[in-house]
Amino acid sequence: MKKQETALDKKVLVYILIVLLFLGGVYLLTDKLVAKNKYKEKTTVDNGSVSIQYSEIILGEVFSKSQKEYLVLCYDKEEEQDDYNSIVSDVMNGDKIKLYTVDLSHAFNKALLTKDKSNTHPTKASELKIKGATLIHIKDKKVVDYIEGKEAITSFVGDYK
């Protein structure tokens, strides 16, 4: 009986050893697969502060702003960014009037662009027809001034610097 017990003990030990080796192998395999970059150079992720900008709008929002009086500068930011950066910063730094910008190259604004004649007296967003770089002066939800062209826009915003 003693021989049977020792033979049984050896079998149990062999089974336990096999199970432990199997579990160890699974652990090492998953450790390698899951943590591929464990031994590689670590990358850092910049979780810097997130800020929401409220100064760029789409053409459909031109008449829906809460201020009583504001300016909306419409231009193609892909092609004319350098031309209008100084105007935007001068008006914003002047802090006399709120300035919103509209990127005419944005897909949402394409429907309101025209190659023909601009609508210089729109009363609602759906009536807007913009031909190119344009500054719209809005007061009490109505268009007060509609200025087209860089020189005219630069001249007009001089009062708001």
N, C-alpha and C. Protein backbone atom coordinates (compact mmCIF):
# COMPACT_ATOMS: atom_id res chain seq x y z
N MET A 1 0.81 -1.18 0.00
CA MET A 1 0.00 0.00 0.00
C MET A 1 0.86 1.25 0.00
N LYS A 2 1.98 1.17 0.65
CA LYS A 2 2.86 2.31 0.69
C LYS A 2 3.38 2.65 -0.70
N LYS A 3 3.65 1.62 -1.52
CA LYS A 3 4.13 1.85 -2.87
C LYS A 3 3.06 2.52 -3.72
N GLN A 4 1.82 2.11 -3.52
CA GLN A 4 0.72 2.72 -4.28
C GLN A 4 0.56 4.18 -3.89
N GLU A 5 0.72 4.48 -2.60
CA GLU A 5 0.59 5.87 -2.15
C GLU A 5 1.70 6.72 -2.73
N THR A 6 2.91 6.23 -2.73
CA THR A 6 4.01 7.01 -3.29
C THR A 6 3.86 7.16 -4.80
N ALA A 7 3.40 6.12 -5.47
CA ALA A 7 3.17 6.23 -6.92
C ALA A 7 2.06 7.25 -7.20
N LEU A 8 1.02 7.24 -6.35
CA LEU A 8 -0.09 8.18 -6.49
C LEU A 8 0.39 9.59 -6.19
N ASP A 9 1.20 9.73 -5.15
CA ASP A 9 1.75 11.05 -4.82
C ASP A 9 2.60 11.59 -5.96
N LYS A 10 3.39 10.73 -6.59
CA LYS A 10 4.22 11.16 -7.72
C LYS A 10 3.36 11.61 -8.89
N LYS A 11 2.28 10.88 -9.16
CA LYS A 11 1.37 11.26 -10.25
C LYS A 11 0.73 12.62 -9.97
N VAL A 12 0.28 12.79 -8.74
CA VAL A 12 -0.34 14.07 -8.35
C VAL A 12 0.66 15.20 -8.50
N LEU A 13 1.88 14.98 -8.04
CA LEU A 13 2.93 16.01 -8.16
C LEU A 13 3.24 16.32 -9.63
N VAL A 14 3.27 15.29 -10.45
CA VAL A 14 3.53 15.49 -11.88
C VAL A 14 2.40 16.30 -12.50
N TYR A 15 1.14 15.98 -12.16
CA TYR A 15 0.00 16.73 -12.68
C TYR A 15 0.03 18.18 -12.22
N ILE A 16 0.32 18.39 -10.95
CA ILE A 16 0.41 19.76 -10.42
C ILE A 16 1.52 20.52 -11.13
N LEU A 17 2.65 19.88 -11.34
CA LEU A 17 3.77 20.50 -12.03
C LEU A 17 3.40 20.85 -13.48
N ILE A 18 2.70 19.95 -14.15
CA ILE A 18 2.27 20.21 -15.53
C ILE A 18 1.31 21.39 -15.58
N VAL A 19 0.35 21.42 -14.66
CA VAL A 19 -0.61 22.53 -14.61
C VAL A 19 0.10 23.84 -14.32
N LEU A 20 1.04 23.84 -13.38
CA LEU A 20 1.79 25.05 -13.05
C LEU A 20 2.63 25.51 -14.25
N LEU A 21 3.28 24.59 -14.93
CA LEU A 21 4.05 24.95 -16.12
C LEU A 21 3.15 25.52 -17.21
N PHE A 22 1.97 24.91 -17.40
CA PHE A 22 1.02 25.40 -18.39
C PHE A 22 0.56 26.82 -18.05
N LEU A 23 0.17 27.05 -16.79
CA LEU A 23 -0.26 28.38 -16.36
C LEU A 23 0.87 29.41 -16.46
N GLY A 24 2.07 29.00 -16.13
CA GLY A 24 3.22 29.89 -16.26
C GLY A 24 3.47 30.26 -17.72
N GLY A 25 3.32 29.28 -18.61
CA GLY A 25 3.48 29.54 -20.03
C GLY A 25 2.42 30.48 -20.56
N VAL A 26 1.18 30.28 -20.14
CA VAL A 26 0.08 31.17 -20.55
C VAL A 26 0.35 32.59 -20.03
N TYR A 27 0.80 32.71 -18.79
CA TYR A 27 1.11 34.02 -18.22
C TYR A 27 2.20 34.73 -19.02
N LEU A 28 3.29 34.03 -19.30
CA LEU A 28 4.39 34.63 -20.06
C LEU A 28 3.96 35.00 -21.47
N LEU A 29 3.16 34.16 -22.09
CA LEU A 29 2.69 34.44 -23.44
C LEU A 29 1.80 35.67 -23.47
N THR A 30 0.84 35.76 -22.56
CA THR A 30 -0.05 36.92 -22.53
C THR A 30 0.71 38.17 -22.12
N ASP A 31 1.68 38.03 -21.24
CA ASP A 31 2.48 39.18 -20.84
C ASP A 31 3.22 39.76 -22.05
N LYS A 32 3.75 38.89 -22.88
CA LYS A 32 4.46 39.34 -24.08
C LYS A 32 3.50 39.95 -25.09
N LEU A 33 2.33 39.33 -25.27
CA LEU A 33 1.38 39.81 -26.27
C LEU A 33 0.70 41.11 -25.85
N VAL A 34 0.31 41.19 -24.59
CA VAL A 34 -0.42 42.36 -24.11
C VAL A 34 0.51 43.54 -23.92
N ALA A 35 1.66 43.29 -23.36
CA ALA A 35 2.60 44.39 -23.07
C ALA A 35 3.74 44.36 -24.08
N LYS A 36 3.43 44.59 -25.36
CA LYS A 36 4.45 44.56 -26.40
C LYS A 36 5.52 45.61 -26.17
N ASN A 37 5.11 46.76 -25.68
CA ASN A 37 6.04 47.87 -25.52
C ASN A 37 6.68 47.93 -24.14
N LYS A 38 6.60 46.85 -23.41
CA LYS A 38 7.11 46.86 -22.04
C LYS A 38 8.59 47.18 -21.97
N TYR A 39 9.35 46.66 -22.92
CA TYR A 39 10.79 46.86 -22.89
C TYR A 39 11.26 47.88 -23.92
N LYS A 40 10.34 48.40 -24.68
CA LYS A 40 10.69 49.42 -25.67
C LYS A 40 10.67 50.79 -25.00
N GLU A 41 11.14 51.77 -25.75
CA GLU A 41 11.16 53.14 -25.24
C GLU A 41 9.72 53.61 -25.02
N LYS A 42 9.48 54.20 -23.90
CA LYS A 42 8.13 54.63 -23.57
C LYS A 42 7.80 55.91 -24.30
N THR A 43 6.56 56.00 -24.77
CA THR A 43 6.09 57.22 -25.42
C THR A 43 5.27 58.01 -24.43
N THR A 44 5.32 59.30 -24.56
CA THR A 44 4.55 60.16 -23.68
C THR A 44 3.41 60.78 -24.46
N VAL A 45 2.30 60.88 -23.83
CA VAL A 45 1.11 61.47 -24.43
C VAL A 45 0.89 62.81 -23.77
N ASP A 46 0.73 63.84 -24.62
CA ASP A 46 0.48 65.18 -24.10
C ASP A 46 -1.01 65.35 -23.86
N ASN A 47 -1.38 65.37 -22.61
CA ASN A 47 -2.77 65.60 -22.25
C ASN A 47 -2.95 67.05 -21.81
N GLY A 48 -2.40 67.94 -22.60
CA GLY A 48 -2.46 69.37 -22.29
C GLY A 48 -3.88 69.85 -22.14
N SER A 49 -4.00 71.07 -21.76
CA SER A 49 -5.32 71.62 -21.52
C SER A 49 -6.09 71.73 -22.84
N VAL A 50 -7.34 71.44 -22.77
CA VAL A 50 -8.22 71.53 -23.92
C VAL A 50 -8.94 72.86 -23.85
N SER A 51 -8.94 73.55 -24.98
CA SER A 51 -9.65 74.82 -24.99
C SER A 51 -10.61 74.85 -26.16
N ILE A 52 -11.73 75.45 -25.96
CA ILE A 52 -12.73 75.59 -27.00
C ILE A 52 -12.68 77.03 -27.48
N GLN A 53 -12.60 77.18 -28.78
CA GLN A 53 -12.57 78.54 -29.31
C GLN A 53 -13.98 78.90 -29.77
N TYR A 54 -14.35 80.11 -29.51
CA TYR A 54 -15.68 80.56 -29.88
C TYR A 54 -15.64 81.63 -30.96
N SER A 55 -14.46 81.97 -31.45
CA SER A 55 -14.38 83.07 -32.40
C SER A 55 -14.57 82.62 -33.85
N GLU A 56 -14.41 81.33 -34.16
CA GLU A 56 -14.66 80.86 -35.52
C GLU A 56 -16.04 80.24 -35.58
N ILE A 57 -16.82 80.70 -36.53
CA ILE A 57 -18.19 80.21 -36.69
C ILE A 57 -18.40 79.77 -38.13
N ILE A 58 -19.55 79.22 -38.42
CA ILE A 58 -19.91 78.91 -39.80
C ILE A 58 -20.89 79.99 -40.26
N LEU A 59 -21.04 80.12 -41.57
CA LEU A 59 -21.90 81.18 -42.10
C LEU A 59 -23.33 81.10 -41.59
N GLY A 60 -23.81 79.93 -41.32
CA GLY A 60 -25.17 79.76 -40.82
C GLY A 60 -25.40 80.36 -39.44
N GLU A 61 -24.33 80.69 -38.72
CA GLU A 61 -24.45 81.25 -37.37
C GLU A 61 -24.29 82.77 -37.33
N VAL A 62 -24.17 83.41 -38.48
CA VAL A 62 -23.86 84.84 -38.54
C VAL A 62 -24.89 85.68 -37.79
N PHE A 63 -26.16 85.36 -37.88
CA PHE A 63 -27.20 86.16 -37.24
C PHE A 63 -27.61 85.64 -35.86
N SER A 64 -26.96 84.60 -35.37
CA SER A 64 -27.42 83.97 -34.13
C SER A 64 -26.53 84.24 -32.92
N LYS A 65 -25.66 85.20 -32.98
CA LYS A 65 -24.78 85.49 -31.85
C LYS A 65 -25.51 86.36 -30.83
N SER A 66 -25.08 86.26 -29.58
CA SER A 66 -25.80 86.91 -28.49
C SER A 66 -25.44 88.40 -28.32
N GLN A 67 -24.31 88.84 -28.84
CA GLN A 67 -23.94 90.24 -28.69
C GLN A 67 -24.88 91.14 -29.48
N LYS A 68 -25.00 92.37 -29.02
CA LYS A 68 -25.84 93.34 -29.72
C LYS A 68 -25.17 93.80 -31.00
N GLU A 69 -23.83 93.92 -30.96
CA GLU A 69 -23.08 94.40 -32.11
C GLU A 69 -21.79 93.59 -32.24
N TYR A 70 -21.47 93.17 -33.44
CA TYR A 70 -20.25 92.40 -33.67
C TYR A 70 -19.89 92.42 -35.16
N LEU A 71 -18.68 91.98 -35.44
CA LEU A 71 -18.17 91.88 -36.81
C LEU A 71 -17.98 90.42 -37.16
N VAL A 72 -18.18 90.09 -38.44
CA VAL A 72 -17.93 88.75 -38.94
C VAL A 72 -17.02 88.88 -40.15
N LEU A 73 -15.82 88.35 -40.04
CA LEU A 73 -14.85 88.40 -41.13
C LEU A 73 -14.84 87.04 -41.82
N CYS A 74 -15.21 87.05 -43.11
CA CYS A 74 -15.28 85.83 -43.90
C CYS A 74 -14.12 85.83 -44.89
N TYR A 75 -13.30 84.79 -44.84
CA TYR A 75 -12.19 84.66 -45.78
C TYR A 75 -11.74 83.21 -45.83
N ASP A 76 -11.01 82.88 -46.88
CA ASP A 76 -10.51 81.53 -47.08
C ASP A 76 -9.24 81.36 -46.26
N LYS A 77 -9.32 80.63 -45.18
CA LYS A 77 -8.17 80.49 -44.28
C LYS A 77 -7.05 79.64 -44.87
N GLU A 78 -7.35 78.83 -45.86
CA GLU A 78 -6.30 78.05 -46.49
C GLU A 78 -5.42 78.92 -47.39
N GLU A 79 -6.03 79.90 -48.06
CA GLU A 79 -5.29 80.71 -49.01
C GLU A 79 -4.96 82.11 -48.50
N GLU A 80 -5.78 82.66 -47.63
CA GLU A 80 -5.63 84.06 -47.23
C GLU A 80 -5.30 84.25 -45.75
N GLN A 81 -4.85 83.22 -45.08
CA GLN A 81 -4.56 83.29 -43.65
C GLN A 81 -3.59 84.43 -43.33
N ASP A 82 -2.50 84.51 -44.07
CA ASP A 82 -1.48 85.53 -43.81
C ASP A 82 -2.01 86.94 -44.05
N ASP A 83 -2.90 87.10 -45.02
CA ASP A 83 -3.44 88.42 -45.34
C ASP A 83 -4.31 88.99 -44.23
N TYR A 84 -5.00 88.14 -43.50
CA TYR A 84 -5.98 88.61 -42.53
C TYR A 84 -5.59 88.38 -41.07
N ASN A 85 -4.47 87.73 -40.80
CA ASN A 85 -4.03 87.51 -39.42
C ASN A 85 -3.89 88.82 -38.64
N SER A 86 -3.28 89.82 -39.26
CA SER A 86 -3.07 91.09 -38.55
C SER A 86 -4.39 91.80 -38.27
N ILE A 87 -5.32 91.72 -39.19
CA ILE A 87 -6.63 92.35 -38.99
C ILE A 87 -7.34 91.68 -37.81
N VAL A 88 -7.35 90.37 -37.81
CA VAL A 88 -8.02 89.62 -36.74
C VAL A 88 -7.38 89.94 -35.39
N SER A 89 -6.06 89.91 -35.32
CA SER A 89 -5.40 90.17 -34.03
C SER A 89 -5.57 91.61 -33.59
N ASP A 90 -5.55 92.56 -34.52
CA ASP A 90 -5.73 93.97 -34.16
C ASP A 90 -7.12 94.22 -33.57
N VAL A 91 -8.14 93.68 -34.19
CA VAL A 91 -9.51 93.90 -33.70
C VAL A 91 -9.72 93.18 -32.38
N MET A 92 -9.21 91.95 -32.26
CA MET A 92 -9.38 91.22 -31.01
C MET A 92 -8.61 91.87 -29.87
N ASN A 93 -7.42 92.37 -30.15
CA ASN A 93 -6.64 93.04 -29.12
C ASN A 93 -7.20 94.40 -28.77
N GLY A 94 -7.85 95.05 -29.75
CA GLY A 94 -8.47 96.35 -29.50
C GLY A 94 -9.60 96.26 -28.50
N ASP A 95 -10.25 95.12 -28.44
CA ASP A 95 -11.30 94.83 -27.45
C ASP A 95 -12.45 95.85 -27.48
N LYS A 96 -12.71 96.46 -28.64
CA LYS A 96 -13.81 97.41 -28.76
C LYS A 96 -15.09 96.74 -29.24
N ILE A 97 -14.90 95.65 -30.02
CA ILE A 97 -16.05 94.95 -30.58
C ILE A 97 -15.67 93.48 -30.74
N LYS A 98 -16.63 92.62 -30.64
CA LYS A 98 -16.39 91.17 -30.81
C LYS A 98 -16.25 90.88 -32.30
N LEU A 99 -15.23 90.08 -32.63
CA LEU A 99 -14.98 89.67 -34.02
C LEU A 99 -15.08 88.16 -34.12
N TYR A 100 -15.92 87.71 -35.05
CA TYR A 100 -16.01 86.30 -35.38
C TYR A 100 -15.40 86.11 -36.76
N THR A 101 -14.82 84.94 -36.98
CA THR A 101 -14.26 84.64 -38.29
C THR A 101 -15.00 83.44 -38.90
N VAL A 102 -15.07 83.44 -40.22
CA VAL A 102 -15.69 82.36 -40.96
C VAL A 102 -14.68 81.88 -41.98
N ASP A 103 -14.39 80.59 -41.97
CA ASP A 103 -13.47 80.00 -42.93
C ASP A 103 -14.27 79.58 -44.17
N LEU A 104 -14.07 80.31 -45.25
CA LEU A 104 -14.83 80.03 -46.47
C LEU A 104 -14.43 78.71 -47.12
N SER A 105 -13.27 78.17 -46.75
CA SER A 105 -12.85 76.89 -47.33
C SER A 105 -13.50 75.71 -46.62
N HIS A 106 -14.17 75.96 -45.52
CA HIS A 106 -14.84 74.91 -44.75
C HIS A 106 -16.05 74.39 -45.54
N ALA A 107 -16.25 73.09 -45.52
CA ALA A 107 -17.31 72.46 -46.31
C ALA A 107 -18.71 72.97 -45.96
N PHE A 108 -18.96 73.30 -44.70
CA PHE A 108 -20.28 73.79 -44.29
C PHE A 108 -20.61 75.14 -44.91
N ASN A 109 -19.60 75.89 -45.30
CA ASN A 109 -19.82 77.23 -45.83
C ASN A 109 -19.92 77.26 -47.36
N LYS A 110 -19.59 76.18 -48.02
CA LYS A 110 -19.55 76.15 -49.49
C LYS A 110 -20.90 76.49 -50.12
N ALA A 111 -21.99 76.08 -49.51
CA ALA A 111 -23.32 76.30 -50.10
C ALA A 111 -23.67 77.79 -50.18
N LEU A 112 -23.07 78.61 -49.33
CA LEU A 112 -23.41 80.04 -49.32
C LEU A 112 -22.41 80.89 -50.09
N LEU A 113 -21.49 80.24 -50.78
CA LEU A 113 -20.53 80.97 -51.61
C LEU A 113 -21.10 81.14 -53.01
N THR A 114 -20.72 82.23 -53.66
CA THR A 114 -21.19 82.49 -55.00
C THR A 114 -20.06 83.03 -55.86
N LYS A 115 -20.15 82.81 -57.15
CA LYS A 115 -19.19 83.40 -58.08
C LYS A 115 -19.81 84.61 -58.76
N ASP A 116 -21.10 84.76 -58.57
CA ASP A 116 -21.82 85.88 -59.17
C ASP A 116 -21.77 87.10 -58.24
N LYS A 117 -22.91 87.70 -58.01
CA LYS A 117 -23.00 88.90 -57.18
C LYS A 117 -23.34 88.53 -55.73
N SER A 118 -22.68 89.20 -54.81
CA SER A 118 -22.95 88.98 -53.38
C SER A 118 -24.27 89.62 -53.00
N ASN A 119 -24.91 89.06 -51.99
CA ASN A 119 -26.10 89.68 -51.42
C ASN A 119 -25.64 90.57 -50.28
N THR A 120 -25.63 91.86 -50.49
CA THR A 120 -25.09 92.80 -49.50
C THR A 120 -26.10 93.19 -48.42
N HIS A 121 -27.34 92.75 -48.55
CA HIS A 121 -28.37 93.07 -47.55
C HIS A 121 -29.15 91.83 -47.10
N PRO A 122 -28.45 90.82 -46.61
CA PRO A 122 -29.19 89.63 -46.14
C PRO A 122 -29.88 89.92 -44.81
N THR A 123 -31.00 89.27 -44.60
CA THR A 123 -31.72 89.43 -43.33
C THR A 123 -31.69 88.16 -42.50
N LYS A 124 -31.29 87.07 -43.13
CA LYS A 124 -31.14 85.80 -42.42
C LYS A 124 -30.02 85.01 -43.08
N ALA A 125 -29.55 83.99 -42.39
CA ALA A 125 -28.38 83.23 -42.84
C ALA A 125 -28.59 82.58 -44.20
N SER A 126 -29.77 82.13 -44.48
CA SER A 126 -30.02 81.46 -45.76
C SER A 126 -29.93 82.42 -46.94
N GLU A 127 -30.01 83.72 -46.70
CA GLU A 127 -29.91 84.71 -47.77
C GLU A 127 -28.48 85.15 -48.04
N LEU A 128 -27.55 84.69 -47.23
CA LEU A 128 -26.15 85.08 -47.42
C LEU A 128 -25.62 84.53 -48.74
N LYS A 129 -24.93 85.36 -49.49
CA LYS A 129 -24.20 84.96 -50.69
C LYS A 129 -22.87 85.71 -50.63
N ILE A 130 -21.81 85.00 -50.36
CA ILE A 130 -20.48 85.57 -50.19
C ILE A 130 -19.65 85.28 -51.42
N LYS A 131 -19.04 86.32 -51.97
CA LYS A 131 -18.22 86.16 -53.18
C LYS A 131 -16.76 85.93 -52.85
N GLY A 132 -16.27 86.56 -51.83
CA GLY A 132 -14.86 86.43 -51.44
C GLY A 132 -14.68 86.99 -50.04
N ALA A 133 -13.50 87.50 -49.77
CA ALA A 133 -13.23 88.07 -48.44
C ALA A 133 -14.23 89.19 -48.15
N THR A 134 -14.93 89.05 -47.03
CA THR A 134 -16.01 89.98 -46.70
C THR A 134 -16.04 90.22 -45.20
N LEU A 135 -16.33 91.46 -44.83
CA LEU A 135 -16.55 91.81 -43.43
C LEU A 135 -18.00 92.25 -43.29
N ILE A 136 -18.71 91.61 -42.38
CA ILE A 136 -20.11 91.95 -42.15
C ILE A 136 -20.22 92.54 -40.75
N HIS A 137 -20.77 93.75 -40.68
CA HIS A 137 -20.98 94.43 -39.40
C HIS A 137 -22.46 94.25 -39.05
N ILE A 138 -22.70 93.59 -37.93
CA ILE A 138 -24.07 93.28 -37.52
C ILE A 138 -24.39 94.01 -36.22
N LYS A 139 -25.55 94.64 -36.23
CA LYS A 139 -26.04 95.35 -35.04
C LYS A 139 -27.52 95.04 -34.91
N ASP A 140 -27.93 94.59 -33.75
CA ASP A 140 -29.33 94.21 -33.49
C ASP A 140 -29.84 93.20 -34.52
N LYS A 141 -28.99 92.22 -34.84
CA LYS A 141 -29.34 91.12 -35.76
C LYS A 141 -29.59 91.60 -37.19
N LYS A 142 -29.10 92.79 -37.56
CA LYS A 142 -29.25 93.32 -38.91
C LYS A 142 -27.89 93.70 -39.46
N VAL A 143 -27.72 93.56 -40.77
CA VAL A 143 -26.47 93.93 -41.42
C VAL A 143 -26.42 95.45 -41.53
N VAL A 144 -25.42 96.05 -40.87
CA VAL A 144 -25.23 97.50 -40.91
C VAL A 144 -24.25 97.86 -42.02
N ASP A 145 -23.16 97.11 -42.12
CA ASP A 145 -22.16 97.33 -43.15
C ASP A 145 -21.77 95.99 -43.76
N TYR A 146 -21.52 96.02 -45.06
CA TYR A 146 -21.11 94.83 -45.79
C TYR A 146 -19.93 95.25 -46.65
N ILE A 147 -18.73 94.87 -46.24
CA ILE A 147 -17.50 95.36 -46.87
C ILE A 147 -16.80 94.19 -47.55
N GLU A 148 -16.41 94.39 -48.82
CA GLU A 148 -15.71 93.37 -49.57
C GLU A 148 -14.33 93.87 -49.97
N GLY A 149 -13.36 92.97 -49.98
CA GLY A 149 -12.01 93.31 -50.42
C GLY A 149 -11.10 93.68 -49.25
N LYS A 150 -9.84 93.30 -49.37
CA LYS A 150 -8.90 93.48 -48.26
C LYS A 150 -8.68 94.95 -47.90
N GLU A 151 -8.51 95.83 -48.89
CA GLU A 151 -8.24 97.24 -48.61
C GLU A 151 -9.40 97.88 -47.87
N ALA A 152 -10.62 97.61 -48.36
CA ALA A 152 -11.81 98.18 -47.72
C ALA A 152 -11.99 97.64 -46.31
N ILE A 153 -11.71 96.35 -46.13
CA ILE A 153 -11.83 95.74 -44.79
C ILE A 153 -10.80 96.35 -43.85
N THR A 154 -9.56 96.48 -44.32
CA THR A 154 -8.49 97.06 -43.49
C THR A 154 -8.85 98.47 -43.08
N SER A 155 -9.36 99.25 -44.00
CA SER A 155 -9.76 100.62 -43.71
C SER A 155 -10.89 100.67 -42.69
N PHE A 156 -11.89 99.80 -42.85
CA PHE A 156 -13.05 99.80 -41.95
C PHE A 156 -12.66 99.41 -40.52
N VAL A 157 -11.83 98.40 -40.35
CA VAL A 157 -11.52 97.92 -39.00
C VAL A 157 -10.54 98.83 -38.28
N GLY A 158 -10.00 99.84 -38.96
CA GLY A 158 -9.10 100.80 -38.31
C GLY A 158 -9.76 101.47 -37.11
N ASP A 159 -11.06 101.66 -37.16
CA ASP A 159 -11.80 102.28 -36.05
C ASP A 159 -11.92 101.36 -34.84
N TYR A 160 -11.71 100.09 -35.03
CA TYR A 160 -11.90 99.12 -33.95
C TYR A 160 -10.61 98.57 -33.38
N LYS A 161 -9.49 99.16 -33.73
CA LYS A 161 -8.18 98.70 -33.20
C LYS A 161 -7.95 99.25 -31.81
